[in-house]
Amino acid sequence: MAGNVCVLLRNLRLRAKGRPNPIDAMEDLKAALAQEQKRRAEAELEVTTLQRRLHAFESNRPFEAAL
């Protein structure tokens, strides 16, 4: 319990001085990282889907060797 009070007092002191709380900053960074990881995963999924669709399209096309 004493540790929580010390952290609370430190956070209040930092807020009073107008300085950012390092814990809040770390949480913001973690949230930004999670958002970026989600964006990249969605982009990779889209690329994979388009590659599969292209492969399926090219596989179903008749071979035109006579040209």
PDB file of N, CA and C in Angstrom:
ATOM      1  N   MET A   1       0.813  -1.193   0.000  1.00  0.00           N
ATOM      2  CA  MET A   1       0.000   0.000   0.000  1.00  0.00           C
ATOM      3  C   MET A   1       0.859   1.261   0.000  1.00  0.00           C
ATOM      4  N   ALA A   2       1.949   1.236   0.754  1.00  0.00           N
ATOM      5  CA  ALA A   2       2.815   2.412   0.825  1.00  0.00           C
ATOM      6  C   ALA A   2       3.423   2.726  -0.538  1.00  0.00           C
ATOM      7  N   GLY A   3       3.713   1.676  -1.311  1.00  0.00           N
ATOM      8  CA  GLY A   3       4.262   1.879  -2.653  1.00  0.00           C
ATOM      9  C   GLY A   3       3.278   2.591  -3.558  1.00  0.00           C
ATOM     10  N   ASN A   4       2.002   2.235  -3.433  1.00  0.00           N
ATOM     11  CA  ASN A   4       0.974   2.873  -4.259  1.00  0.00           C
ATOM     12  C   ASN A   4       0.828   4.349  -3.899  1.00  0.00           C
ATOM     13  N   VAL A   5       0.929   4.665  -2.616  1.00  0.00           N
ATOM     14  CA  VAL A   5       0.819   6.058  -2.187  1.00  0.00           C
ATOM     15  C   VAL A   5       1.996   6.859  -2.720  1.00  0.00           C
ATOM     16  N   CYS A   6       3.187   6.269  -2.677  1.00  0.00           N
ATOM     17  CA  CYS A   6       4.377   6.966  -3.205  1.00  0.00           C
ATOM     18  C   CYS A   6       4.228   7.239  -4.700  1.00  0.00           C
ATOM     19  N   VAL A   7       3.735   6.258  -5.431  1.00  0.00           N
ATOM     20  CA  VAL A   7       3.535   6.431  -6.876  1.00  0.00           C
ATOM     21  C   VAL A   7       2.486   7.510  -7.128  1.00  0.00           C
ATOM     22  N   LEU A   8       1.415   7.469  -6.354  1.00  0.00           N
ATOM     23  CA  LEU A   8       0.373   8.472  -6.515  1.00  0.00           C
ATOM     24  C   LEU A   8       0.905   9.876  -6.233  1.00  0.00           C
ATOM     25  N   LEU A   9       1.663  10.014  -5.169  1.00  0.00           N
ATOM     26  CA  LEU A   9       2.246  11.322  -4.842  1.00  0.00           C
ATOM     27  C   LEU A   9       3.213  11.786  -5.930  1.00  0.00           C
ATOM     28  N   ARG A  10       4.020  10.874  -6.450  1.00  0.00           N
ATOM     29  CA  ARG A  10       4.951  11.236  -7.521  1.00  0.00           C
ATOM     30  C   ARG A  10       4.185  11.701  -8.754  1.00  0.00           C
ATOM     31  N   ASN A  11       3.119  10.971  -9.103  1.00  0.00           N
ATOM     32  CA  ASN A  11       2.324  11.351 -10.273  1.00  0.00           C
ATOM     33  C   ASN A  11       1.673  12.712 -10.082  1.00  0.00           C
ATOM     34  N   LEU A  12       1.178  12.966  -8.882  1.00  0.00           N
ATOM     35  CA  LEU A  12       0.577  14.279  -8.607  1.00  0.00           C
ATOM     36  C   LEU A  12       1.613  15.393  -8.668  1.00  0.00           C
ATOM     37  N   ARG A  13       2.812  15.120  -8.174  1.00  0.00           N
ATOM     38  CA  ARG A  13       3.888  16.115  -8.217  1.00  0.00           C
ATOM     39  C   ARG A  13       4.282  16.408  -9.669  1.00  0.00           C
ATOM     40  N   LEU A  14       4.409  15.365 -10.476  1.00  0.00           N
ATOM     41  CA  LEU A  14       4.749  15.561 -11.889  1.00  0.00           C
ATOM     42  C   LEU A  14       3.662  16.357 -12.606  1.00  0.00           C
ATOM     43  N   ARG A  15       2.406  16.036 -12.325  1.00  0.00           N
ATOM     44  CA  ARG A  15       1.293  16.750 -12.960  1.00  0.00           C
ATOM     45  C   ARG A  15       1.287  18.212 -12.541  1.00  0.00           C
ATOM     46  N   ALA A  16       1.575  18.469 -11.265  1.00  0.00           N
ATOM     47  CA  ALA A  16       1.610  19.851 -10.776  1.00  0.00           C
ATOM     48  C   ALA A  16       2.716  20.653 -11.446  1.00  0.00           C
ATOM     49  N   LYS A  17       3.833  19.999 -11.759  1.00  0.00           N
ATOM     50  CA  LYS A  17       4.945  20.676 -12.426  1.00  0.00           C
ATOM     51  C   LYS A  17       4.742  20.762 -13.938  1.00  0.00           C
ATOM     52  N   GLY A  18       3.696  20.092 -14.441  1.00  0.00           N
ATOM     53  CA  GLY A  18       3.426  20.123 -15.876  1.00  0.00           C
ATOM     54  C   GLY A  18       4.299  19.180 -16.672  1.00  0.00           C
ATOM     55  N   ARG A  19       4.936  18.248 -16.005  1.00  0.00           N
ATOM     56  CA  ARG A  19       5.790  17.282 -16.710  1.00  0.00           C
ATOM     57  C   ARG A  19       4.992  16.015 -16.976  1.00  0.00           C
ATOM     58  N   PRO A  20       5.310  15.329 -18.067  1.00  0.00           N
ATOM     59  CA  PRO A  20       4.561  14.111 -18.395  1.00  0.00           C
ATOM     60  C   PRO A  20       4.901  12.983 -17.420  1.00  0.00           C
ATOM     61  N   ASN A  21       3.924  12.159 -17.198  1.00  0.00           N
ATOM     62  CA  ASN A  21       4.110  10.987 -16.355  1.00  0.00           C
ATOM     63  C   ASN A  21       4.748   9.887 -17.207  1.00  0.00           C
ATOM     64  N   PRO A  22       5.917   9.354 -16.815  1.00  0.00           N
ATOM     65  CA  PRO A  22       6.568   8.336 -17.629  1.00  0.00           C
ATOM     66  C   PRO A  22       5.722   7.074 -17.804  1.00  0.00           C
ATOM     67  N   ILE A  23       4.902   6.763 -16.825  1.00  0.00           N
ATOM     68  CA  ILE A  23       4.051   5.574 -16.943  1.00  0.00           C
ATOM     69  C   ILE A  23       2.987   5.812 -18.011  1.00  0.00           C
ATOM     70  N   ASP A  24       2.389   6.997 -18.007  1.00  0.00           N
ATOM     71  CA  ASP A  24       1.397   7.330 -19.029  1.00  0.00           C
ATOM     72  C   ASP A  24       2.040   7.349 -20.414  1.00  0.00           C
ATOM     73  N   ALA A  25       3.243   7.881 -20.494  1.00  0.00           N
ATOM     74  CA  ALA A  25       3.956   7.918 -21.777  1.00  0.00           C
ATOM     75  C   ALA A  25       4.206   6.505 -22.288  1.00  0.00           C
ATOM     76  N   MET A  26       4.577   5.603 -21.386  1.00  0.00           N
ATOM     77  CA  MET A  26       4.830   4.209 -21.789  1.00  0.00           C
ATOM     78  C   MET A  26       3.528   3.555 -22.254  1.00  0.00           C
ATOM     79  N   GLU A  27       2.442   3.827 -21.570  1.00  0.00           N
ATOM     80  CA  GLU A  27       1.146   3.277 -21.984  1.00  0.00           C
ATOM     81  C   GLU A  27       0.751   3.808 -23.363  1.00  0.00           C
ATOM     82  N   ASP A  28       1.019   5.082 -23.613  1.00  0.00           N
ATOM     83  CA  ASP A  28       0.730   5.654 -24.929  1.00  0.00           C
ATOM     84  C   ASP A  28       1.570   4.984 -26.005  1.00  0.00           C
ATOM     85  N   LEU A  29       2.841   4.730 -25.702  1.00  0.00           N
ATOM     86  CA  LEU A  29       3.708   4.045 -26.661  1.00  0.00           C
ATOM     87  C   LEU A  29       3.234   2.624 -26.929  1.00  0.00           C
ATOM     88  N   LYS A  30       2.810   1.938 -25.884  1.00  0.00           N
ATOM     89  CA  LYS A  30       2.304   0.573 -26.057  1.00  0.00           C
ATOM     90  C   LYS A  30       1.052   0.569 -26.926  1.00  0.00           C
ATOM     91  N   ALA A  31       0.182   1.532 -26.711  1.00  0.00           N
ATOM     92  CA  ALA A  31      -1.037   1.625 -27.518  1.00  0.00           C
ATOM     93  C   ALA A  31      -0.704   1.921 -28.977  1.00  0.00           C
ATOM     94  N   ALA A  32       0.245   2.818 -29.204  1.00  0.00           N
ATOM     95  CA  ALA A  32       0.660   3.133 -30.577  1.00  0.00           C
ATOM     96  C   ALA A  32       1.288   1.923 -31.244  1.00  0.00           C
ATOM     97  N   LEU A  33       2.092   1.176 -30.491  1.00  0.00           N
ATOM     98  CA  LEU A  33       2.711  -0.034 -31.035  1.00  0.00           C
ATOM     99  C   LEU A  33       1.656  -1.069 -31.404  1.00  0.00           C
ATOM    100  N   ALA A  34       0.676  -1.268 -30.530  1.00  0.00           N
ATOM    101  CA  ALA A  34      -0.387  -2.225 -30.810  1.00  0.00           C
ATOM    102  C   ALA A  34      -1.174  -1.819 -32.055  1.00  0.00           C
ATOM    103  N   GLN A  35      -1.443  -0.528 -32.194  1.00  0.00           N
ATOM    104  CA  GLN A  35      -2.167  -0.039 -33.373  1.00  0.00           C
ATOM    105  C   GLN A  35      -1.352  -0.273 -34.645  1.00  0.00           C
ATOM    106  N   GLU A  36      -0.054  -0.018 -34.587  1.00  0.00           N
ATOM    107  CA  GLU A  36       0.807  -0.233 -35.759  1.00  0.00           C
ATOM    108  C   GLU A  36       0.897  -1.713 -36.110  1.00  0.00           C
ATOM    109  N   GLN A  37       0.992  -2.573 -35.104  1.00  0.00           N
ATOM    110  CA  GLN A  37       1.038  -4.007 -35.362  1.00  0.00           C
ATOM    111  C   GLN A  37      -0.263  -4.476 -36.003  1.00  0.00           C
ATOM    112  N   LYS A  38      -1.376  -3.940 -35.550  1.00  0.00           N
ATOM    113  CA  LYS A  38      -2.669  -4.290 -36.138  1.00  0.00           C
ATOM    114  C   LYS A  38      -2.733  -3.833 -37.590  1.00  0.00           C
ATOM    115  N   ARG A  39      -2.269  -2.612 -37.849  1.00  0.00           N
ATOM    116  CA  ARG A  39      -2.289  -2.086 -39.218  1.00  0.00           C
ATOM    117  C   ARG A  39      -1.431  -2.939 -40.147  1.00  0.00           C
ATOM    118  N   ARG A  40      -0.250  -3.331 -39.666  1.00  0.00           N
ATOM    119  CA  ARG A  40       0.634  -4.159 -40.490  1.00  0.00           C
ATOM    120  C   ARG A  40       0.046  -5.541 -40.740  1.00  0.00           C
ATOM    121  N   ALA A  41      -0.576  -6.128 -39.719  1.00  0.00           N
ATOM    122  CA  ALA A  41      -1.197  -7.438 -39.888  1.00  0.00           C
ATOM    123  C   ALA A  41      -2.326  -7.369 -40.915  1.00  0.00           C
ATOM    124  N   GLU A  42      -3.128  -6.303 -40.869  1.00  0.00           N
ATOM    125  CA  GLU A  42      -4.205  -6.138 -41.837  1.00  0.00           C
ATOM    126  C   GLU A  42      -3.644  -5.960 -43.245  1.00  0.00           C
ATOM    127  N   ALA A  43      -2.558  -5.218 -43.379  1.00  0.00           N
ATOM    128  CA  ALA A  43      -1.940  -5.017 -44.689  1.00  0.00           C
ATOM    129  C   ALA A  43      -1.379  -6.331 -45.228  1.00  0.00           C
ATOM    130  N   GLU A  44      -0.740  -7.119 -44.370  1.00  0.00           N
ATOM    131  CA  GLU A  44      -0.203  -8.416 -44.803  1.00  0.00           C
ATOM    132  C   GLU A  44      -1.324  -9.350 -45.233  1.00  0.00           C
ATOM    133  N   LEU A  45      -2.440  -9.320 -44.501  1.00  0.00           N
ATOM    134  CA  LEU A  45      -3.584 -10.148 -44.871  1.00  0.00           C
ATOM    135  C   LEU A  45      -4.136  -9.730 -46.226  1.00  0.00           C
ATOM    136  N   GLU A  46      -4.203  -8.435 -46.471  1.00  0.00           N
ATOM    137  CA  GLU A  46      -4.693  -7.949 -47.761  1.00  0.00           C
ATOM    138  C   GLU A  46      -3.765  -8.378 -48.896  1.00  0.00           C
ATOM    139  N   VAL A  47      -2.467  -8.289 -48.682  1.00  0.00           N
ATOM    140  CA  VAL A  47      -1.504  -8.710 -49.704  1.00  0.00           C
ATOM    141  C   VAL A  47      -1.659 -10.196 -49.992  1.00  0.00           C
ATOM    142  N   THR A  48      -1.773 -10.996 -48.949  1.00  0.00           N
ATOM    143  CA  THR A  48      -1.921 -12.446 -49.125  1.00  0.00           C
ATOM    144  C   THR A  48      -3.199 -12.765 -49.894  1.00  0.00           C
ATOM    145  N   THR A  49      -4.276 -12.081 -49.541  1.00  0.00           N
ATOM    146  CA  THR A  49      -5.551 -12.312 -50.231  1.00  0.00           C
ATOM    147  C   THR A  49      -5.436 -11.962 -51.704  1.00  0.00           C
ATOM    148  N   LEU A  50      -4.809 -10.828 -52.006  1.00  0.00           N
ATOM    149  CA  LEU A  50      -4.649 -10.432 -53.410  1.00  0.00           C
ATOM    150  C   LEU A  50      -3.746 -11.400 -54.163  1.00  0.00           C
ATOM    151  N   GLN A  51      -2.688 -11.900 -53.529  1.00  0.00           N
ATOM    152  CA  GLN A  51      -1.820 -12.878 -54.180  1.00  0.00           C
ATOM    153  C   GLN A  51      -2.573 -14.172 -54.485  1.00  0.00           C
ATOM    154  N   ARG A  52      -3.399 -14.611 -53.554  1.00  0.00           N
ATOM    155  CA  ARG A  52      -4.186 -15.833 -53.782  1.00  0.00           C
ATOM    156  C   ARG A  52      -5.189 -15.636 -54.910  1.00  0.00           C
ATOM    157  N   ARG A  53      -5.832 -14.470 -54.928  1.00  0.00           N
ATOM    158  CA  ARG A  53      -6.798 -14.198 -55.994  1.00  0.00           C
ATOM    159  C   ARG A  53      -6.111 -14.139 -57.354  1.00  0.00           C
ATOM    160  N   LEU A  54      -4.942 -13.510 -57.410  1.00  0.00           N
ATOM    161  CA  LEU A  54      -4.192 -13.440 -58.663  1.00  0.00           C
ATOM    162  C   LEU A  54      -3.769 -14.827 -59.128  1.00  0.00           C
ATOM    163  N   HIS A  55      -3.285 -15.626 -58.193  1.00  0.00           N
ATOM    164  CA  HIS A  55      -2.863 -16.989 -58.536  1.00  0.00           C
ATOM    165  C   HIS A  55      -4.048 -17.808 -59.052  1.00  0.00           C
ATOM    166  N   ALA A  56      -5.193 -17.701 -58.392  1.00  0.00           N
ATOM    167  CA  ALA A  56      -6.389 -18.427 -58.828  1.00  0.00           C
ATOM    168  C   ALA A  56      -6.828 -17.950 -60.210  1.00  0.00           C
ATOM    169  N   PHE A  57      -6.757 -16.650 -60.456  1.00  0.00           N
ATOM    170  CA  PHE A  57      -7.140 -16.113 -61.760  1.00  0.00           C
ATOM    171  C   PHE A  57      -6.207 -16.624 -62.847  1.00  0.00           C
ATOM    172  N   GLU A  58      -4.892 -16.579 -62.580  1.00  0.00           N
ATOM    173  CA  GLU A  58      -3.923 -17.031 -63.583  1.00  0.00           C
ATOM    174  C   GLU A  58      -3.982 -18.535 -63.794  1.00  0.00           C
ATOM    175  N   SER A  59      -4.329 -19.290 -62.780  1.00  0.00           N
ATOM    176  CA  SER A  59      -4.429 -20.746 -62.911  1.00  0.00           C
ATOM    177  C   SER A  59      -5.629 -21.150 -63.754  1.00  0.00           C
ATOM    178  N   ASN A  60      -6.694 -20.365 -63.736  1.00  0.00           N
ATOM    179  CA  ASN A  60      -7.918 -20.694 -64.478  1.00  0.00           C
ATOM    180  C   ASN A  60      -7.910 -20.158 -65.900  1.00  0.00           C
ATOM    181  N   ARG A  61      -6.944 -19.330 -66.238  1.00  0.00           N
ATOM    182  CA  ARG A  61      -6.855 -18.781 -67.588  1.00  0.00           C
ATOM    183  C   ARG A  61      -6.323 -19.839 -68.546  1.00  0.00           C
ATOM    184  N   PRO A  62      -6.881 -19.938 -69.748  1.00  0.00           N
ATOM    185  CA  PRO A  62      -6.342 -20.896 -70.719  1.00  0.00           C
ATOM    186  C   PRO A  62      -4.946 -20.481 -71.174  1.00  0.00           C
ATOM    187  N   PHE A  63      -4.123 -21.456 -71.382  1.00  0.00           N
ATOM    188  CA  PHE A  63      -2.747 -21.212 -71.805  1.00  0.00           C
ATOM    189  C   PHE A  63      -2.752 -20.836 -73.294  1.00  0.00           C
ATOM    190  N   GLU A  64      -2.098 -19.719 -73.629  1.00  0.00           N
ATOM    191  CA  GLU A  64      -2.090 -19.233 -75.011  1.00  0.00           C
ATOM    192  C   GLU A  64      -0.692 -19.361 -75.578  1.00  0.00           C
ATOM    193  N   ALA A  65      -0.300 -20.576 -75.917  1.00  0.00           N
ATOM    194  CA  ALA A  65       1.033 -20.827 -76.443  1.00  0.00           C
ATOM    195  C   ALA A  65       1.122 -20.502 -77.931  1.00  0.00           C
ATOM    196  N   ALA A  66       0.002 -20.437 -78.613  1.00  0.00           N
ATOM    197  CA  ALA A  66       0.007 -20.209 -80.051  1.00  0.00           C
ATOM    198  C   ALA A  66       0.407 -18.784 -80.402  1.00  0.00           C
ATOM    199  N   LEU A  67       0.319 -17.870 -79.496  1.00  0.00           N
ATOM    200  CA  LEU A  67       0.644 -16.477 -79.813  1.00  0.00           C
ATOM    201  C   LEU A  67       2.079 -16.307 -79.776  1.00  0.00           C
TER     202      LEU A  67
END
